[in-house]
Protein backbone atom coordinates (compact mmCIF):
# COMPACT_ATOMS: atom_id res chain seq x y z
CA MET A 1 2.25 20.24 -7.08
CA ARG A 2 5.70 18.67 -7.64
CA PHE A 3 6.07 15.05 -5.93
CA SER A 4 9.37 13.70 -4.44
CA PRO A 5 10.87 10.52 -6.19
CA PHE A 6 10.00 8.82 -2.86
CA ALA A 7 6.73 9.43 -3.33
CA SER A 8 6.47 7.22 -6.77
CA VAL A 9 4.24 4.27 -6.68
CA LYS A 10 6.91 2.49 -8.46
CA VAL A 11 9.59 3.01 -5.76
CA SER A 12 6.79 1.67 -3.31
CA ILE A 13 6.29 -1.31 -5.40
CA ALA A 14 10.16 -2.06 -5.72
CA LEU A 15 10.50 -1.59 -1.87
CA MET A 16 7.83 -3.84 -0.98
CA CYS A 17 9.07 -6.52 -3.19
CA LEU A 18 12.65 -6.27 -1.59
CA LEU A 19 10.85 -6.57 1.66
CA ALA A 20 8.91 -9.63 0.65
CA LEU A 21 12.21 -11.43 -0.63
CA ALA A 22 13.82 -10.77 2.60
CA VAL A 23 11.05 -11.94 4.61
CA LEU A 24 10.94 -15.07 2.38
CA LEU A 25 14.43 -15.84 2.93
CA GLY A 26 14.06 -15.34 6.56
CA ALA A 27 11.52 -17.80 6.47
CA TRP A 28 13.43 -20.45 4.36
CA CYS A 29 16.84 -20.07 6.20
CA PRO A 30 16.54 -21.07 10.20
CA GLN A 31 17.20 -17.98 12.34
CA GLU A 32 19.98 -18.05 15.01
CA SER A 33 17.95 -15.98 17.11
CA GLN A 34 14.83 -18.32 17.00
CA VAL A 35 16.42 -21.87 17.03
CA GLY A 36 20.18 -21.45 17.30
CA TYR A 37 23.13 -21.73 14.95
CA GLN A 38 23.25 -25.77 15.44
CA LYS A 39 20.05 -25.78 13.53
CA VAL A 40 21.34 -24.03 10.52
CA VAL A 41 24.58 -26.41 10.54
CA GLU A 42 22.24 -29.51 10.77
CA THR A 43 19.94 -28.05 8.06
CA PHE A 44 22.78 -27.01 5.44
CA GLY A 45 25.61 -28.56 6.86
CA ALA A 46 28.97 -26.82 8.34
CA ASP A 47 30.35 -25.35 5.33
CA LEU A 48 27.14 -23.72 3.78
CA ALA A 49 26.07 -22.69 7.43
CA GLY A 50 29.13 -20.74 7.78
CA ARG A 51 28.82 -18.99 4.36
CA PHE A 52 25.14 -18.08 5.18
CA ARG A 53 25.94 -16.56 8.49
CA ALA A 54 28.93 -14.55 6.84
CA ALA A 55 26.38 -13.17 4.24
CA GLY A 56 23.87 -12.51 6.97
CA LEU A 57 20.98 -15.09 6.30
CA THR A 58 21.27 -16.65 9.47
CA ASP A 59 20.26 -13.34 11.18
CA ILE A 60 18.65 -11.21 8.31
CA PHE A 61 16.19 -9.29 10.32
CA HIS A 62 18.98 -7.76 12.27
CA ALA A 63 21.15 -7.24 9.25
CA PRO A 64 22.05 -3.74 8.35
CA VAL A 65 20.62 -4.17 4.67
CA PHE A 66 17.36 -5.17 6.26
CA LEU A 67 17.08 -2.00 8.58
CA LEU A 68 18.17 -0.03 5.70
CA LEU A 69 15.40 -1.21 3.65
CA ILE A 70 13.14 -0.54 6.56
CA ALA A 71 14.39 2.75 6.71
CA LEU A 72 13.88 3.52 3.10
CA ILE A 73 10.04 2.07 3.26
CA SER A 74 9.46 4.33 6.33
CA ILE A 75 10.75 7.37 4.35
CA ASN A 76 8.60 6.29 1.28
CA MET A 77 5.46 5.68 3.29
CA ILE A 78 5.87 9.29 5.15
CA VAL A 79 6.57 11.01 1.87
CA VAL A 80 3.73 9.29 0.02
CA SER A 81 1.48 10.03 3.14
CA PHE A 82 2.08 13.60 3.49
CA GLN A 83 2.35 14.81 -0.41
CA ARG A 84 -0.38 12.35 -1.83
CA VAL A 85 -2.80 10.88 0.77
CA PHE A 86 -3.13 13.45 3.74
CA PRO A 87 -3.81 16.39 1.40
CA LYS A 88 -6.79 14.91 0.15
CA ILE A 89 -8.38 15.19 3.52
CA LYS A 90 -9.49 18.88 3.01
CA ASN A 91 -11.71 17.59 -0.08
CA TYR A 92 -13.96 16.05 2.53
CA LYS A 93 -15.26 19.23 3.67
CA GLN A 94 -16.02 20.66 0.30
CA PRO A 95 -19.49 20.67 -0.16
CA MET A 96 -21.39 18.88 -3.06
CA PRO A 97 -22.81 21.59 -5.86
CA TYR A 98 -26.26 21.46 -6.74
CA LEU A 99 -27.01 20.59 -10.38
CA GLY A 100 -29.45 21.73 -13.01
CA LYS A 101 -31.41 19.28 -15.45
CA GLU A 102 -28.76 19.31 -18.26
CA GLU A 103 -25.96 18.62 -16.02
CA ILE A 104 -27.70 15.65 -14.47
CA LEU A 105 -28.46 14.12 -17.66
CA LYS A 106 -24.71 14.43 -18.79
CA LEU A 107 -23.85 11.90 -15.59
CA PRO A 108 -23.03 8.30 -15.91
CA ASN A 109 -26.51 7.08 -14.96
CA ALA A 110 -29.49 9.12 -15.18
CA GLN A 111 -33.25 8.50 -15.23
CA GLN A 112 -36.35 10.73 -15.83
CA ALA A 113 -39.71 10.26 -14.45
CA ALA A 114 -42.94 11.93 -14.49
CA LEU A 115 -44.96 12.06 -10.92
CA GLY A 116 -48.54 13.01 -9.97
CA LEU A 117 -46.85 15.63 -7.06
CA GLU A 118 -45.86 18.94 -6.89
CA ASN A 119 -42.15 20.18 -7.17
CA ASN A 120 -41.52 20.58 -3.77
CA GLN A 121 -43.40 17.78 -2.63
CA SER A 122 -41.69 15.26 -4.95
CA LEU A 123 -38.20 16.22 -3.81
CA LEU A 124 -39.50 15.85 0.11
CA GLU A 125 -40.73 12.37 -1.07
CA LEU A 126 -37.42 11.45 -2.75
CA LYS A 127 -35.55 12.58 0.17
CA LYS A 128 -37.50 10.29 2.55
CA ILE A 129 -36.76 7.45 0.40
CA LEU A 130 -32.94 8.31 0.13
CA ALA A 131 -32.92 8.56 3.67
CA LEU A 132 -33.97 4.88 4.27
CA ARG A 133 -31.32 3.90 1.70
CA GLY A 134 -28.44 5.69 3.90
CA TYR A 135 -28.16 8.92 1.97
CA SER A 136 -27.95 12.28 3.43
CA SER A 137 -29.83 14.89 1.47
CA LYS A 138 -30.30 18.67 1.00
CA ILE A 139 -33.12 20.67 -0.90
CA GLU A 140 -32.51 23.94 -2.43
CA GLY A 141 -35.31 25.36 -4.95
CA GLN A 142 -35.79 22.77 -7.36
CA SER A 143 -32.71 20.62 -6.73
CA LEU A 144 -31.76 18.05 -4.52
CA LYS A 145 -28.16 16.92 -3.69
CA ALA A 146 -27.59 13.46 -1.92
CA GLU A 147 -24.56 11.50 -0.77
CA SER A 148 -23.90 8.34 1.10
CA GLY A 149 -20.67 6.40 2.20
CA LYS A 150 -18.97 9.67 2.38
CA ILE A 151 -16.76 8.35 5.22
CA SER A 152 -15.22 6.06 3.22
CA ARG A 153 -12.90 8.86 1.53
CA PHE A 154 -11.10 8.51 4.82
CA ALA A 155 -9.75 4.98 3.61
CA ALA A 156 -6.69 5.55 2.33
CA THR A 157 -5.97 8.41 5.15
CA VAL A 158 -6.83 5.70 7.95
CA THR A 159 -4.85 3.28 6.36
CA HIS A 160 -1.88 5.09 5.72
CA ILE A 161 -1.91 6.25 9.62
CA GLY A 162 -1.94 2.42 10.25
CA LEU A 163 1.02 1.68 8.07
CA LEU A 164 3.03 4.58 9.33
CA SER A 165 1.91 3.33 13.18
CA LEU A 166 3.08 -0.30 11.95
CA LEU A 167 6.51 0.90 10.90
CA THR A 168 6.94 2.98 13.99
CA GLY A 169 6.34 -0.17 16.09
CA VAL A 170 8.79 -2.09 13.93
CA THR A 171 11.19 0.63 14.05
CA ILE A 172 11.15 0.77 17.88
CA THR A 173 11.73 -3.11 17.98
CA SER A 174 14.40 -3.14 15.48
CA TRP A 175 16.38 -0.30 17.62
CA THR A 176 15.60 -1.63 21.13
CA GLY A 177 14.09 -5.19 20.97
CA PHE A 178 16.44 -8.41 21.16
CA SER A 179 15.96 -12.21 20.75
CA GLY A 180 18.09 -15.11 21.10
CA PHE A 181 18.08 -19.04 21.72
CA GLN A 182 20.19 -20.99 24.38
CA PRO A 183 19.66 -24.75 25.33
CA VAL A 184 19.96 -25.12 28.99
CA LEU A 185 20.57 -27.92 31.45
CA ILE A 186 18.52 -28.75 34.76
CA GLY A 187 20.05 -26.43 37.43
CA ARG A 188 21.56 -24.10 34.99
CA THR A 189 20.60 -20.46 34.15
CA LEU A 190 19.55 -18.44 30.98
CA THR A 191 21.33 -14.93 30.64
CA PHE A 192 20.69 -12.59 27.81
CA SER A 193 24.56 -11.81 27.30
CA ALA A 194 24.60 -13.49 23.87
CA SER A 195 21.32 -11.73 22.58
CA GLU A 196 20.90 -11.08 18.87
CA HIS A 197 19.83 -7.59 18.16
CA SER A 198 20.72 -4.82 15.25
CA LYS A 199 24.01 -3.78 14.63
CA LEU A 200 22.85 -0.24 15.31
CA TRP A 201 21.09 -0.77 18.95
CA ILE A 202 20.05 1.44 21.59
CA GLY A 203 18.39 -1.04 23.94
CA LYS A 204 19.23 -2.39 27.27
CA LEU A 205 19.77 -6.33 28.08
CA PRO A 206 17.88 -7.52 31.65
CA GLN A 207 20.15 -8.23 34.48
CA TRP A 208 17.81 -11.06 35.88
CA ARG A 209 18.30 -14.56 34.96
CA VAL A 210 16.27 -17.63 34.37
CA ARG A 211 16.99 -20.93 36.15
CA VAL A 212 15.67 -24.11 34.68
CA ASP A 213 14.68 -26.18 37.90
CA ASP A 214 13.07 -29.04 35.94
CA THR A 215 12.28 -30.29 32.18
CA ARG A 216 10.52 -33.05 30.91
CA LYS A 217 8.87 -34.55 27.81
CA GLU A 218 5.67 -36.52 26.70
CA THR A 219 5.45 -38.59 24.07
CA TYR A 220 2.69 -40.38 22.33
CA ASP A 221 2.67 -44.31 22.30
CA ASN A 222 4.69 -44.47 19.39
CA GLY A 223 7.69 -42.60 20.83
CA ASP A 224 6.95 -39.24 18.69
CA PRO A 225 7.20 -36.09 21.02
CA LYS A 226 3.94 -34.90 22.16
CA GLN A 227 4.88 -31.74 24.50
CA TRP A 228 7.76 -30.41 26.18
CA TYR A 229 7.71 -28.91 29.69
CA SER A 230 10.21 -26.58 31.65
CA LYS A 231 9.93 -25.25 35.11
CA LEU A 232 11.55 -21.84 35.16
CA SER A 233 12.33 -19.46 38.01
CA VAL A 234 13.21 -15.59 37.11
CA ILE A 235 15.86 -14.62 39.58
CA ASN A 236 17.98 -11.74 40.16
CA ASP A 237 21.70 -11.18 40.79
CA LYS A 238 21.21 -12.39 44.52
CA GLY A 239 19.50 -15.21 43.63
CA THR A 240 16.13 -14.13 44.78
CA VAL A 241 13.07 -15.85 43.01
CA LEU A 242 11.24 -13.25 41.32
CA LYS A 243 8.53 -15.36 39.61
CA GLN A 244 8.01 -19.12 38.85
CA GLN A 245 6.07 -20.76 36.00
CA GLU A 246 6.07 -24.31 34.01
CA ILE A 247 6.08 -23.08 30.41
CA SER A 248 5.45 -25.30 27.31
CA VAL A 249 4.97 -25.08 23.54
CA ASN A 250 2.50 -21.95 22.99
CA ASN A 251 2.72 -21.31 26.82
CA PRO A 252 5.47 -18.75 27.31
CA LEU A 253 6.65 -17.15 30.59
CA SER A 254 6.52 -13.33 30.25
CA TYR A 255 8.47 -10.93 32.49
CA GLU A 256 9.43 -7.40 32.16
CA GLY A 257 8.52 -7.16 28.55
CA VAL A 258 10.44 -10.51 27.67
CA ASP A 259 8.72 -13.57 26.27
CA ILE A 260 10.45 -16.87 27.11
CA TYR A 261 9.08 -19.78 25.02
CA GLN A 262 9.83 -23.79 25.01
CA SER A 263 11.35 -24.06 21.83
CA SER A 264 12.96 -27.46 21.78
CA TRP A 265 14.11 -30.21 23.75
CA GLY A 266 16.79 -32.69 23.84
CA LEU A 267 19.23 -35.22 25.29
CA ASP A 268 22.68 -33.08 26.16
CA SER A 269 24.86 -35.70 27.79
CA ILE A 270 25.12 -38.95 29.52
CA LEU A 271 26.48 -39.58 33.09
CA LEU A 272 28.68 -42.51 33.13
CA SER A 273 31.05 -44.38 35.52
CA PHE A 274 34.37 -45.71 34.41
CA ASN A 275 35.79 -48.05 36.92
CA GLY A 276 34.04 -46.10 39.51
CA ARG A 277 34.95 -42.49 38.39
CA PRO A 278 32.29 -40.24 37.09
CA LEU A 279 32.48 -39.35 33.49
CA LYS A 280 30.21 -37.21 31.32
CA LEU A 281 30.02 -37.53 27.62
CA SER A 282 28.25 -35.16 24.95
CA LEU A 283 25.77 -36.53 23.05
CA GLN A 284 25.05 -35.74 19.21
CA GLN A 285 21.91 -35.73 17.28
CA MET A 286 21.82 -38.64 14.91
CA GLY A 287 18.58 -39.21 13.42
CA GLY A 288 16.17 -40.52 15.85
CA THR A 289 18.96 -41.37 18.27
CA HIS A 290 21.77 -39.59 20.17
CA ALA A 291 25.24 -40.82 20.02
CA ALA A 292 28.24 -40.27 22.08
CA PHE A 293 31.93 -41.50 21.23
CA MET A 294 35.01 -42.52 23.64
CA PRO A 295 38.11 -43.39 21.73
CA LEU A 296 40.15 -46.16 23.68
CA ASP A 297 43.02 -46.16 21.37
CA GLN A 298 44.10 -45.31 17.69
CA ASN A 299 41.88 -48.59 16.52
CA THR A 300 39.18 -48.89 18.81
CA THR A 301 35.87 -46.69 19.52
CA LEU A 302 33.13 -47.12 22.13
CA ILE A 303 30.07 -45.80 20.98
CA PHE A 304 27.26 -45.17 23.43
CA SER A 305 23.94 -44.91 21.64
CA LEU A 306 20.52 -43.78 23.35
CA ARG A 307 17.10 -43.30 21.77
CA ASN A 308 15.50 -41.53 24.67
CA GLU A 309 15.92 -40.97 28.61
CA LYS A 310 13.95 -43.81 29.49
CA LYS A 311 15.33 -46.22 27.18
CA PRO A 312 18.69 -48.37 28.06
CA LEU A 313 21.60 -47.10 26.90
CA ARG A 314 23.28 -49.47 24.09
CA LEU A 315 27.36 -49.79 23.81
CA PHE A 316 28.80 -50.54 20.81
CA ALA A 317 32.59 -51.21 19.93
CA LYS A 318 34.14 -50.05 16.37
CA ILE A 319 37.65 -51.34 15.12
CA PRO A 320 38.80 -50.87 11.31
CA GLU A 321 38.27 -54.47 10.69
CA TRP A 322 34.53 -54.56 11.13
CA LYS A 323 32.53 -53.24 8.50
CA ALA A 324 29.94 -52.10 11.12
CA PRO A 325 30.14 -51.28 14.94
CA LYS A 326 28.98 -54.25 16.83
CA MET A 327 26.73 -54.05 20.03
CA LEU A 328 28.29 -55.14 23.26
CA VAL A 329 25.46 -54.52 25.68
CA GLU A 330 22.48 -52.52 26.71
CA LEU A 331 22.39 -50.72 30.12
CA PRO A 332 19.30 -49.57 31.78
CA SER A 333 19.78 -46.50 34.02
CA GLY A 334 21.92 -47.69 37.25
CA TYR A 335 23.36 -50.73 36.00
CA VAL A 336 27.07 -51.51 35.40
CA ALA A 337 28.59 -53.91 32.84
CA GLU A 338 31.93 -55.40 33.15
CA PHE A 339 34.36 -55.93 30.50
CA GLY A 340 37.55 -57.65 32.01
CA ALA A 341 39.46 -55.41 34.21
CA VAL A 342 36.89 -52.29 32.85
CA LYS A 343 33.72 -51.50 34.47
CA ILE A 344 31.31 -49.14 33.03
CA GLY A 345 28.04 -47.93 34.36
CA TYR A 346 25.28 -45.88 33.03
CA LEU A 347 23.92 -43.48 35.60
CA LYS A 348 21.51 -41.02 33.66
CA ALA A 349 20.90 -39.02 30.80
CA LEU A 350 21.03 -35.23 31.01
CA PRO A 351 18.34 -33.45 28.92
CA ALA A 352 18.55 -29.75 27.65
CA THR A 353 15.70 -27.49 27.25
CA GLY A 354 15.60 -25.34 24.00
CA LEU A 355 14.48 -21.77 25.44
CA GLN A 356 13.73 -18.88 22.99
CA TYR A 357 13.15 -15.47 24.16
CA LYS A 358 12.45 -12.21 22.70
CA SER A 359 11.70 -8.53 23.71
CA ASP A 360 9.43 -6.74 21.43
CA PRO A 361 8.90 -3.24 22.86
CA GLY A 362 6.87 -2.08 19.63
CA LEU A 363 4.44 -5.08 19.89
CA PRO A 364 1.50 -2.90 21.12
CA ILE A 365 2.01 -0.31 18.60
CA THR A 366 2.30 -2.83 16.13
CA TYR A 367 -1.25 -4.54 17.35
CA THR A 368 -2.82 -1.13 17.23
CA ALA A 369 -1.66 -0.52 13.70
CA PHE A 370 -2.89 -3.64 12.64
CA GLY A 371 -6.41 -2.68 14.08
CA ILE A 372 -6.20 0.72 12.20
CA ILE A 373 -5.06 -0.78 8.82
CA MET A 374 -8.27 -3.26 9.26
CA LEU A 375 -10.69 -0.15 9.66
CA GLY A 376 -9.14 1.60 6.78
CA VAL A 377 -9.74 -1.55 4.77
CA LEU A 378 -13.45 -1.86 5.93
CA LEU A 379 -13.97 1.97 5.15
CA ALA A 380 -12.54 1.47 1.55
CA ALA A 381 -15.24 -1.55 1.02
CA LEU A 382 -17.80 1.13 1.40
CA PRO A 383 -19.06 2.61 -1.68
CA HIS A 384 -19.07 6.28 -2.10
CA ARG A 385 -22.33 7.12 -3.98
CA GLN A 386 -23.50 10.88 -4.96
CA LEU A 387 -26.92 11.52 -6.45
CA TRP A 388 -28.61 14.64 -7.55
CA ALA A 389 -32.26 15.63 -8.75
CA TYR A 390 -34.13 18.30 -10.46
CA ALA A 391 -37.76 18.69 -10.61
CA GLU A 392 -39.73 21.11 -12.68
CA ASP A 393 -43.48 21.45 -13.93
CA LYS A 394 -44.76 19.78 -16.97
CA ASN A 395 -48.38 19.48 -17.90
CA GLY A 396 -49.38 20.18 -14.25
CA GLN A 397 -47.35 17.40 -12.96
CA THR A 398 -43.65 17.16 -11.80
CA ALA A 399 -40.85 15.96 -14.22
CA ILE A 400 -38.05 14.53 -12.41
CA VAL A 401 -34.56 13.80 -13.29
CA LEU A 402 -32.28 11.79 -11.11
CA GLY A 403 -28.40 10.98 -11.76
CA GLY A 404 -25.39 10.34 -9.98
CA PHE A 405 -22.45 7.92 -9.79
CA SER A 406 -20.57 5.69 -7.39
CA HIS A 407 -16.90 5.07 -7.30
CA LYS A 408 -17.41 1.60 -6.36
CA ALA A 409 -20.13 -1.17 -7.39
CA LYS A 410 -21.40 0.92 -10.21
CA LYS A 411 -23.89 -1.68 -11.56
CA ALA A 412 -25.20 -2.06 -8.17
CA PHE A 413 -25.72 1.90 -8.16
CA ASN A 414 -27.21 1.80 -11.49
CA LYS A 415 -29.82 -0.75 -10.22
CA ASN A 416 -30.48 1.12 -7.00
CA LEU A 417 -31.19 4.15 -8.84
CA LEU A 418 -33.84 2.39 -10.98
CA SER A 419 -35.33 0.96 -8.05
CA ILE A 420 -35.85 4.68 -6.61
CA VAL A 421 -37.36 5.75 -9.72
CA GLU A 422 -39.75 2.77 -9.85
CA LYS A 423 -40.69 3.26 -6.42
CA MET A 424 -41.42 6.77 -6.76
CA GLN A 425 -43.65 5.85 -9.98
CA THR A 426 -45.36 3.35 -8.06
CA ARG A 427 -46.17 5.55 -5.17
CA PHE A 428 -47.04 8.48 -7.05
CA PRO A 429 -48.30 7.70 -10.45
CA ALA A 430 -48.45 10.53 -13.43
CA LYS A 431 -51.51 10.90 -15.42
CA ALA A 432 -51.61 8.37 -18.31
CA GLU A 433 -51.12 11.18 -20.82
CA SER A 434 -47.69 11.96 -19.32
CA GLN A 435 -46.49 8.41 -18.65
CA SER A 436 -45.65 8.23 -22.40
CA THR A 437 -42.83 11.04 -22.03
CA CYS A 438 -41.44 9.32 -18.96
CA SER A 439 -38.56 6.89 -18.13
CA ALA A 440 -35.85 7.80 -20.62
CA SER A 441 -32.37 6.88 -19.37
CA SER A 442 -28.86 7.27 -20.47
CA GLN A 443 -25.59 5.88 -19.78
CA ARG A 444 -22.36 6.86 -20.56
């Protein structure tokens, strides 16, 4: 049978290596759909992040190259399955032939023994012993054939069915699934218009939205974050609440096939009063603190620093003549500081909850595929063993020859064969004059 180039094992290995490389790159580089582009900038800097984005590394699992790689692996798996693996199923129905004495002695493992039984009786007793060890046996005349673990011959077929199912699930998700990340303020809504998905996409985005009703953070005594929480409401285009739930890390909200996760938490901005007028300044993450900058003139800049929403706001001033900013005052929430004719008040900090969402329509198929693959692996662990025996009269007793082979655990099979012979000899010993001629073994 002539095989397609796509059925080559070398092609399979090359494609799998490329897929592994792509997955490693995706794990190394933060993905926009999971943590947002800002995280990529924080990790690599604006210049390098821009280059990675242009190269498709920040959204590698939706890139056309990755989808092409998945398509090639799918074609390879289909060709290998139908040209190399599935045709072997017909071999399962082929019966074992009966072998004669000389043929058995040529097998990799062969044993001879003399027994104090008639021919037919010795084979029947052997059949009973083999049944206790999981063998299925048949007798015809002076010959016996036995087999165990035959179902393991389905291992490759079952595994490939699992792999094809896995590729089906991945393909469905690639063509119809979507994901994304969005920081949302309290009272604002999460929409799916900026979702990330493959360039060749035939899915549909939800029309409903998710409103953030509240969000909070729990911390340890040393100030490190312990857990993040967000109260969410799923609402339709008329504002009707369809579902409500408080989410936390590893406790997502699920609605109509979309999972919404608590991915991050931070301070988005601060509300100030400047001479009685409200003022909102955006905060920037700077290590363990958040900072906002307000230029007063060409030489003077006010810097607002906040560690967390429960700590006082620290106000600094910076001019070129100073080597470092100077702290002017600490303002707890609700307090006002006066600087001559200027009054600056700290109203509150506005937190933003980072929500990650994804739709994975192929996930049920993927889970089923993993179950099928695990079944195939378990079947592959079963040793497939075949055994033959031939009995003939010799000096008024039975001379029996046993032989066979195992596709796995060959040493264990040889020990098993020896123990069968020893058990038969112990239970049905031959006469003394015949024992000198028994027990010859040959291995190839």
